[in-house]
N, C-alpha and C. Protein backbone atom coordinates (compact mmCIF):
# COMPACT_ATOMS: atom_id res chain seq x y z
N UNK A 1 58.65 84.35 27.95
CA UNK A 1 58.01 83.88 26.83
C UNK A 1 56.40 83.36 27.03
N UNK A 2 56.18 82.62 28.20
CA UNK A 2 54.95 82.16 28.66
C UNK A 2 54.11 83.17 28.75
N UNK A 3 54.29 84.39 29.37
CA UNK A 3 53.51 85.40 29.55
C UNK A 3 53.22 85.83 28.52
N UNK A 4 53.80 86.15 27.70
CA UNK A 4 53.52 86.69 26.09
C UNK A 4 52.61 85.78 25.50
N UNK A 5 52.82 84.71 25.52
CA UNK A 5 52.04 83.60 24.72
C UNK A 5 50.42 83.76 25.49
N UNK A 6 50.45 83.67 26.95
CA UNK A 6 49.13 83.80 27.37
C UNK A 6 48.48 85.19 27.20
N UNK A 7 49.00 86.28 26.96
CA UNK A 7 48.89 87.68 26.70
C UNK A 7 47.90 87.33 25.22
N UNK A 8 48.66 86.74 24.43
CA UNK A 8 48.20 86.66 22.95
C UNK A 8 47.13 85.80 23.08
N UNK A 9 46.89 84.58 23.78
CA UNK A 9 45.86 83.42 23.86
C UNK A 9 44.65 84.47 24.62
N UNK A 10 44.96 85.34 25.63
CA UNK A 10 43.75 86.09 26.23
C UNK A 10 43.22 86.81 25.10
N UNK A 11 43.95 87.83 24.39
CA UNK A 11 43.54 88.55 23.64
C UNK A 11 42.65 88.22 22.51
N UNK A 12 43.07 86.90 21.82
CA UNK A 12 42.24 86.31 21.13
C UNK A 12 41.03 85.85 21.43
N UNK A 13 41.10 85.02 22.71
CA UNK A 13 39.86 84.35 23.11
C UNK A 13 38.77 85.63 23.55
N UNK A 14 39.55 86.42 24.10
CA UNK A 14 38.63 87.62 24.55
C UNK A 14 37.97 88.36 23.26
N UNK A 15 38.36 88.39 22.22
CA UNK A 15 38.04 88.90 21.11
C UNK A 15 36.79 87.97 20.53
N UNK A 16 37.18 87.01 20.39
CA UNK A 16 36.02 85.83 19.99
C UNK A 16 35.02 85.72 20.87
N UNK A 17 34.99 85.67 22.24
CA UNK A 17 33.83 85.87 23.11
C UNK A 17 33.36 86.74 22.76
N UNK A 18 33.65 88.04 22.74
CA UNK A 18 33.19 89.55 22.77
C UNK A 18 32.27 89.40 21.17
N UNK A 19 32.82 88.74 20.30
CA UNK A 19 32.05 88.69 19.11
C UNK A 19 30.90 87.90 19.10
N UNK A 20 31.32 86.77 19.78
CA UNK A 20 30.03 85.78 19.97
C UNK A 20 28.75 86.07 20.84
N UNK A 21 28.92 87.21 21.60
CA UNK A 21 27.66 87.97 22.34
C UNK A 21 26.98 88.62 21.07
N UNK A 22 27.54 89.12 19.98
CA UNK A 22 26.76 89.66 19.05
C UNK A 22 26.17 88.90 17.98
N UNK A 23 26.84 87.50 17.91
CA UNK A 23 26.55 86.72 16.87
C UNK A 23 25.39 85.83 17.48
N UNK A 24 25.66 85.40 18.50
CA UNK A 24 24.56 84.30 19.07
C UNK A 24 23.76 84.84 20.47
N UNK A 25 23.16 83.96 20.97
CA UNK A 25 22.29 84.44 22.19
C UNK A 25 23.29 83.79 23.58
N UNK A 26 24.14 84.34 23.98
CA UNK A 26 24.90 84.09 25.13
C UNK A 26 25.19 85.26 26.04
N UNK A 27 25.45 85.18 27.01
CA UNK A 27 25.29 86.41 27.97
C UNK A 27 26.76 86.66 28.56
N UNK A 28 26.84 87.45 29.07
CA UNK A 28 28.29 87.91 29.56
C UNK A 28 28.97 87.14 30.45
N UNK A 29 28.04 86.55 31.48
CA UNK A 29 28.37 85.27 32.37
C UNK A 29 29.07 84.13 31.71
N UNK A 30 28.33 83.69 30.64
CA UNK A 30 28.41 82.62 30.29
C UNK A 30 29.85 82.82 29.32
N UNK A 31 30.12 83.93 28.61
CA UNK A 31 31.22 84.24 28.03
C UNK A 31 32.68 84.28 28.90
N UNK A 32 32.40 84.47 30.16
CA UNK A 32 33.40 84.75 31.28
C UNK A 32 33.78 83.02 31.53
N UNK A 33 32.93 82.30 31.97
CA UNK A 33 32.92 81.32 31.96
C UNK A 33 33.79 80.61 31.04
N UNK A 34 33.37 80.54 29.60
CA UNK A 34 34.14 80.08 28.42
C UNK A 34 35.76 80.29 28.51
N UNK A 35 35.73 81.77 28.72
CA UNK A 35 36.96 82.19 28.49
C UNK A 35 37.88 81.62 29.82
N UNK A 36 37.32 81.57 30.86
CA UNK A 36 38.17 81.08 32.26
C UNK A 36 38.58 79.59 31.87
N UNK A 37 37.72 78.82 31.51
CA UNK A 37 37.90 77.27 31.32
C UNK A 37 38.87 77.23 29.97
N UNK A 38 38.61 78.11 29.07
CA UNK A 38 39.75 77.84 28.05
C UNK A 38 41.13 78.27 28.35
N UNK A 39 41.22 79.40 29.04
CA UNK A 39 42.67 79.88 29.36
C UNK A 39 43.18 78.85 30.60
N UNK A 40 42.49 78.13 31.19
CA UNK A 40 42.98 77.22 32.35
C UNK A 40 43.39 76.09 31.17
N UNK A 41 42.66 75.49 30.37
CA UNK A 41 43.15 74.40 29.59
C UNK A 41 44.15 74.67 28.36
N UNK A 42 44.37 75.88 28.18
CA UNK A 42 45.36 76.22 27.09
C UNK A 42 46.71 76.59 27.87
N UNK A 43 46.65 77.03 29.09
CA UNK A 43 47.82 77.33 29.75
C UNK A 43 48.99 76.05 29.91
N UNK A 44 48.69 75.04 29.86
CA UNK A 44 49.22 73.54 30.24
C UNK A 44 49.59 73.45 28.69
N UNK A 45 49.10 73.60 27.82
CA UNK A 45 49.46 73.51 26.65
C UNK A 45 50.29 74.42 25.95
N UNK A 46 50.37 75.56 26.41
CA UNK A 46 51.55 76.75 26.22
C UNK A 46 52.76 76.23 26.92
N UNK A 47 52.77 75.86 28.06
CA UNK A 47 53.93 75.52 28.92
C UNK A 47 54.63 74.17 28.24
N UNK A 48 53.83 73.35 27.61
CA UNK A 48 54.33 71.88 27.11
C UNK A 48 54.92 72.56 25.87
N UNK A 49 54.22 73.44 25.01
CA UNK A 49 54.87 73.64 23.87
C UNK A 49 56.22 74.62 23.75
N UNK A 50 56.47 75.16 24.79
CA UNK A 50 57.71 75.90 25.42
C UNK A 50 58.78 74.89 25.44
N UNK A 51 58.57 73.84 26.05
CA UNK A 51 59.33 73.10 26.27
C UNK A 51 59.91 72.25 25.16
N UNK A 52 59.36 72.15 24.01
CA UNK A 52 59.90 71.47 22.88
C UNK A 52 61.17 71.79 22.18
N UNK A 53 61.83 70.94 21.89
CA UNK A 53 63.09 71.07 21.22
C UNK A 53 62.99 70.81 19.76
N UNK A 54 62.44 69.85 19.26
CA UNK A 54 62.37 69.66 17.57
C UNK A 54 60.96 69.83 17.36
N UNK A 55 60.77 71.07 16.58
CA UNK A 55 59.52 71.00 16.08
C UNK A 55 59.59 72.03 14.52
N UNK A 56 58.73 72.03 13.95
CA UNK A 56 58.51 72.58 12.73
C UNK A 56 57.20 72.53 12.04
N UNK A 57 56.95 73.64 11.26
CA UNK A 57 55.71 73.67 10.42
C UNK A 57 56.04 74.29 9.06
N UNK A 58 54.86 73.72 8.20
CA UNK A 58 55.25 74.41 6.99
C UNK A 58 53.85 73.91 6.13
N UNK A 59 53.16 75.05 5.63
CA UNK A 59 52.20 74.51 4.81
C UNK A 59 51.99 75.71 3.86
N UNK A 60 52.12 75.22 2.22
CA UNK A 60 52.48 76.14 1.41
C UNK A 60 51.06 76.62 0.80
N UNK A 61 49.99 76.12 1.29
CA UNK A 61 48.43 76.36 0.90
C UNK A 61 48.23 77.81 1.36
N UNK A 62 48.63 78.23 2.64
CA UNK A 62 48.53 79.55 3.08
C UNK A 62 49.36 80.61 1.84
N UNK A 63 50.45 80.23 1.43
CA UNK A 63 51.02 80.97 0.79
C UNK A 63 50.53 80.88 -0.60
N UNK A 64 50.08 80.09 -1.20
CA UNK A 64 49.38 79.89 -2.68
C UNK A 64 47.90 80.88 -2.44
N UNK A 65 47.12 81.01 -1.21
CA UNK A 65 46.05 81.53 -0.95
C UNK A 65 46.30 82.84 -0.77
N UNK A 66 47.49 83.45 -0.46
CA UNK A 66 47.70 84.86 -0.51
C UNK A 66 47.98 85.45 -1.81
N UNK A 67 48.54 84.47 -2.48
CA UNK A 67 48.86 85.05 -4.04
C UNK A 67 47.72 85.18 -4.70
N UNK A 68 46.80 84.11 -4.50
CA UNK A 68 45.41 84.21 -5.34
C UNK A 68 44.77 85.55 -5.11
N UNK A 69 44.79 86.05 -3.79
CA UNK A 69 43.99 87.17 -3.33
C UNK A 69 44.33 88.53 -4.14
N UNK A 70 45.58 88.68 -4.59
CA UNK A 70 45.81 89.74 -5.64
C UNK A 70 44.77 89.71 -7.10
N UNK A 71 44.43 88.61 -7.20
CA UNK A 71 43.88 88.45 -8.61
C UNK A 71 42.27 88.05 -8.50
N UNK A 72 42.03 87.97 -7.57
CA UNK A 72 40.44 87.42 -7.21
C UNK A 72 39.72 88.59 -7.64
N UNK A 73 38.33 88.30 -7.85
CA UNK A 73 37.36 89.16 -8.38
C UNK A 73 36.76 90.08 -7.25
N UNK A 74 37.04 89.57 -6.03
CA UNK A 74 36.15 90.22 -4.89
C UNK A 74 37.28 90.35 -3.75
N UNK A 75 37.32 91.50 -3.11
CA UNK A 75 38.25 91.55 -1.80
C UNK A 75 37.65 91.45 -0.45
N UNK A 76 38.32 90.87 0.12
CA UNK A 76 37.42 90.99 1.63
C UNK A 76 38.06 92.42 2.22
N UNK A 77 39.33 92.65 2.19
CA UNK A 77 39.69 93.83 3.17
C UNK A 77 40.32 94.87 2.02
N UNK A 78 40.37 96.07 2.33
CA UNK A 78 41.21 96.96 1.64
C UNK A 78 42.47 96.96 2.18
N UNK A 79 43.34 96.70 1.03
CA UNK A 79 44.78 96.50 1.21
C UNK A 79 45.58 97.40 0.40
């Protein structure tokens, strides 16, 4: 489970750092350093989160926002 979580985090962070090179003035070396430091910091958090026994999450605002998307004046994505 930890390896899957790390793979997901790596994929997400690498996509964000790749996009940041196109949006701001930042080089490949700086992006690699950010990615490495972020992965080191998050690996401990993933390990801690996998050891939790009592957890839960609920946010109705996400559901409400997705319902509004169908009637909005403009759409961000083709769906």
